[in-house]
Amino acid sequence: MRIGIMGGTFDPIHLGHLIIAEDARARLKLEEVVFVPAGYPWLRSGDAPTSAKQRVEMVKLAVQGNPFFRVSTVEVDRPGPTYTVDTLEEMRRELGDDVELFFILGMDSLKDFHRWKEPARILELCILVAMVRPDHGDFQRESLLGISPTALSRVRFLDSPRIDISGTEIRRRVARGLSIRYLVPDAVEEYIRRCGLYRGSPSGSER
């Protein structure tokens, strides 16, 4: 069984996340893609995201109707900073050794991969799926060899469509009273409006 994992703050989840997840699912023949909203992402300390409960609810609204997508609260249920290696360890225990895990991320995240907690162990637990945009530029793949001599064999590079949507821009648009229609699923747009999210001064840079 092949399962994709897509982590992120999802503050908010947007159509770019869904398009990338579906693209990876179809091309890698994944049985499902699990969306894992972050609890307290350590790389974003000092920039508190929307509450975990609200972000989880938005992800659930976004993936409803797609039988291949589901949501896991494994990270928001864990106290303290969020680390991918801990999530993968937990999912491995839950799903068993027969499941092949594919962790989906963008090239920006891959460039910072050496800063993640226990990157070598992550590569043992899963295959990284790096979604490459046409305009992203060259990535020095040899840099992964500093983590593990076999690191490159544990990474799949997939060309992805260019989708210039970011959580930062969505929060800014909401704060300015601009429309976010067609940037997020309709149910997510309604939830943001109903809960009055992002009406203050948004910040952050996650996609």
Protein backbone atom coordinates (compact mmCIF):
# COMPACT_ATOMS: atom_id res chain seq x y z
CA MET A 1 0.00 0.00 0.00
CA ARG A 2 1.26 3.46 -0.93
CA ILE A 3 0.17 6.44 1.16
CA GLY A 4 1.02 10.09 0.63
CA ILE A 5 1.45 12.51 3.51
CA MET A 6 1.09 16.25 3.11
CA GLY A 7 1.98 18.36 6.12
CA GLY A 8 1.73 22.08 6.66
CA THR A 9 0.22 24.79 8.80
CA PHE A 10 -2.64 25.09 6.27
CA ASP A 11 -3.33 28.63 7.46
CA PRO A 12 -5.51 28.45 5.45
CA ILE A 13 -5.52 25.41 3.18
CA HIS A 14 -5.99 26.56 -0.42
CA LEU A 15 -6.56 25.15 -3.90
CA GLY A 16 -2.82 24.95 -4.55
CA HIS A 17 -2.45 22.38 -1.75
CA LEU A 18 -5.30 20.30 -3.17
CA ILE A 19 -4.04 20.42 -6.75
CA ILE A 20 -0.53 19.34 -5.73
CA ALA A 21 -1.87 16.53 -3.54
CA GLU A 22 -4.10 15.20 -6.31
CA ASP A 23 -1.31 15.45 -8.87
CA ALA A 24 1.05 13.47 -6.65
CA ARG A 25 -1.66 10.92 -5.83
CA ALA A 26 -2.43 10.22 -9.48
CA ARG A 27 1.16 10.15 -10.72
CA LEU A 28 2.53 8.02 -7.88
CA LYS A 29 -0.54 5.78 -7.77
CA LEU A 30 -1.15 6.46 -4.09
CA GLU A 31 -4.09 4.78 -2.37
CA GLU A 32 -4.69 7.94 -0.35
CA VAL A 33 -3.18 11.25 0.71
CA VAL A 34 -3.25 12.13 4.40
CA PHE A 35 -3.28 15.85 5.26
CA VAL A 36 -1.50 16.54 8.55
CA PRO A 37 -2.06 20.05 9.94
CA ALA A 38 0.86 21.16 12.10
CA GLY A 39 0.38 21.76 15.79
CA TYR A 40 3.15 24.22 16.71
CA PRO A 41 5.58 24.30 13.75
CA TRP A 42 9.08 24.95 15.10
CA LEU A 43 10.29 26.69 11.92
CA ARG A 44 7.53 29.24 12.36
CA SER A 45 8.11 30.10 16.02
CA GLY A 46 7.27 33.70 16.84
CA ASP A 47 4.53 33.72 14.20
CA ALA A 48 1.60 31.94 15.84
CA PRO A 49 -0.76 30.34 13.32
CA THR A 50 -4.53 30.29 13.60
CA SER A 51 -5.73 27.88 16.29
CA ALA A 52 -5.15 24.21 15.54
CA LYS A 53 -8.87 23.47 15.87
CA GLN A 54 -9.74 26.05 13.22
CA ARG A 55 -7.03 24.93 10.81
CA VAL A 56 -8.06 21.28 11.18
CA GLU A 57 -11.68 22.21 10.50
CA MET A 58 -10.69 24.09 7.34
CA VAL A 59 -8.71 21.10 6.08
CA LYS A 60 -11.63 18.77 6.76
CA LEU A 61 -13.93 21.09 4.82
CA ALA A 62 -11.45 21.28 1.95
CA VAL A 63 -11.00 17.52 1.48
CA GLN A 64 -14.60 16.45 1.93
CA GLY A 65 -15.93 14.84 -1.20
CA ASN A 66 -12.57 13.37 -2.26
CA PRO A 67 -12.50 9.68 -1.24
CA PHE A 68 -8.71 9.61 -1.64
CA PHE A 69 -8.06 12.40 0.89
CA ARG A 70 -8.30 12.25 4.67
CA VAL A 71 -7.13 14.31 7.65
CA SER A 72 -4.93 13.24 10.55
CA THR A 73 -4.70 15.22 13.80
CA VAL A 74 -1.58 13.39 14.93
CA GLU A 75 0.44 16.62 15.13
CA VAL A 76 -2.15 18.91 16.71
CA ASP A 77 -2.82 16.24 19.35
CA ARG A 78 0.87 16.15 20.27
CA PRO A 79 2.03 18.77 22.82
CA GLY A 80 5.04 20.96 22.07
CA PRO A 81 6.79 21.75 18.77
CA THR A 82 5.88 19.80 15.64
CA TYR A 83 8.58 17.56 14.13
CA THR A 84 8.04 15.56 10.96
CA VAL A 85 10.20 12.67 12.14
CA ASP A 86 7.94 12.12 15.16
CA THR A 87 4.86 12.16 12.94
CA LEU A 88 6.36 9.62 10.57
CA GLU A 89 7.41 7.36 13.44
CA GLU A 90 3.87 7.46 14.80
CA MET A 91 2.27 6.82 11.43
CA ARG A 92 4.67 3.96 10.77
CA ARG A 93 3.64 2.33 14.05
CA GLU A 94 -0.02 2.88 13.20
CA LEU A 95 0.09 1.67 9.60
CA GLY A 96 2.73 -1.05 9.82
CA ASP A 97 5.90 -1.78 7.89
CA ASP A 98 4.11 -2.96 4.75
CA VAL A 99 2.93 0.57 3.92
CA GLU A 100 5.15 2.75 1.74
CA LEU A 101 5.03 6.38 2.87
CA PHE A 102 5.53 9.32 0.50
CA PHE A 103 6.02 12.72 2.13
CA ILE A 104 4.97 15.49 -0.28
CA LEU A 105 6.75 18.84 -0.04
CA GLY A 106 7.81 21.79 -2.14
CA MET A 107 11.31 22.59 -3.33
CA ASP A 108 11.56 25.47 -0.86
CA SER A 109 11.07 23.00 1.98
CA LEU A 110 13.55 20.57 0.44
CA LYS A 111 16.22 23.27 0.47
CA ASP A 112 15.75 23.51 4.25
CA PHE A 113 15.55 19.76 4.74
CA HIS A 114 19.00 19.57 6.35
CA ARG A 115 17.64 21.79 9.16
CA TRP A 116 14.85 19.38 10.00
CA LYS A 117 15.09 17.14 13.05
CA GLU A 118 16.80 13.83 12.16
CA PRO A 119 16.66 14.14 8.35
CA ALA A 120 18.48 10.84 7.87
CA ARG A 121 15.82 9.03 9.90
CA ILE A 122 13.08 10.72 7.88
CA LEU A 123 14.62 9.28 4.71
CA GLU A 124 14.51 5.83 6.29
CA LEU A 125 10.84 6.21 7.15
CA CYS A 126 9.56 7.62 3.87
CA ILE A 127 10.28 8.69 0.33
CA LEU A 128 10.33 12.47 -0.14
CA VAL A 129 8.28 13.74 -3.06
CA ALA A 130 9.57 17.15 -4.13
CA MET A 131 7.14 19.06 -6.32
CA VAL A 132 9.23 21.07 -8.78
CA ARG A 133 7.84 24.23 -10.36
CA PRO A 134 9.03 25.14 -13.88
CA ASP A 135 10.46 28.49 -12.71
CA HIS A 136 12.05 27.26 -9.50
CA GLY A 137 15.63 27.08 -10.76
CA ASP A 138 18.27 24.44 -10.18
CA PHE A 139 18.48 22.51 -6.96
CA GLN A 140 21.86 21.17 -5.87
CA ARG A 141 20.83 17.57 -5.37
CA GLU A 142 24.31 16.71 -4.16
CA SER A 143 23.57 18.68 -1.00
CA LEU A 144 21.41 15.78 0.12
CA LEU A 145 24.45 13.53 0.19
CA GLY A 146 25.64 15.34 3.30
CA ILE A 147 22.66 13.81 5.08
CA SER A 148 23.05 10.29 3.78
CA PRO A 149 25.01 8.64 0.94
CA THR A 150 21.76 7.08 -0.28
CA ALA A 151 19.61 10.21 0.16
CA LEU A 152 19.04 10.82 -3.55
CA SER A 153 17.53 7.37 -3.96
CA ARG A 154 14.91 8.33 -1.37
CA VAL A 155 13.70 11.45 -3.20
CA ARG A 156 11.32 11.68 -6.15
CA PHE A 157 11.21 14.90 -8.15
CA LEU A 158 7.86 15.59 -9.84
CA ASP A 159 7.15 18.50 -12.15
CA SER A 160 4.17 20.39 -10.76
CA PRO A 161 1.94 23.06 -12.26
CA ARG A 162 2.75 26.63 -11.35
CA ILE A 163 0.20 27.70 -8.76
CA ASP A 164 0.90 31.13 -7.32
CA ILE A 165 -1.36 30.92 -4.29
CA SER A 166 -0.02 31.37 -0.78
CA GLY A 167 -1.52 31.41 2.68
CA THR A 168 0.20 34.74 3.28
CA GLU A 169 -1.53 36.38 0.34
CA ILE A 170 -4.91 34.93 1.30
CA ARG A 171 -4.60 36.30 4.84
CA ARG A 172 -3.61 39.70 3.47
CA ARG A 173 -6.54 39.77 1.08
CA VAL A 174 -8.99 38.91 3.86
CA ALA A 175 -7.49 41.61 6.08
CA ARG A 176 -7.95 44.14 3.27
CA GLY A 177 -11.52 43.04 2.56
CA LEU A 178 -10.67 41.53 -0.84
CA SER A 179 -12.22 38.43 -2.36
CA ILE A 180 -10.56 35.03 -1.92
CA ARG A 181 -13.05 33.22 -4.12
CA TYR A 182 -11.36 30.61 -6.37
CA LEU A 183 -8.28 30.68 -4.11
CA VAL A 184 -9.77 28.40 -1.46
CA PRO A 185 -12.65 25.89 -1.59
CA ASP A 186 -16.07 27.49 -1.16
CA ALA A 187 -16.61 25.79 2.21
CA VAL A 188 -13.29 27.16 3.49
CA GLU A 189 -14.13 30.67 2.26
CA GLU A 190 -17.44 30.49 4.14
CA TYR A 191 -15.73 29.21 7.31
CA ILE A 192 -13.19 32.06 7.22
CA ARG A 193 -15.98 34.59 6.80
CA ARG A 194 -18.21 33.06 9.47
CA CYS A 195 -15.41 32.81 12.05
CA GLY A 196 -13.95 36.22 11.26
CA LEU A 197 -10.47 34.82 10.61
CA TYR A 198 -7.52 36.91 9.35
CA ARG A 199 -9.18 40.26 9.87
CA GLY A 200 -6.16 41.53 11.81
CA SER A 201 -2.69 42.12 10.35
CA PRO A 202 -1.61 38.81 8.78
CA SER A 203 1.97 37.68 8.65
CA GLY A 204 3.99 34.59 7.84
CA SER A 205 5.28 33.22 4.57
CA GLU A 206 4.17 29.61 4.30
CA ARG A 207 2.51 28.44 1.12
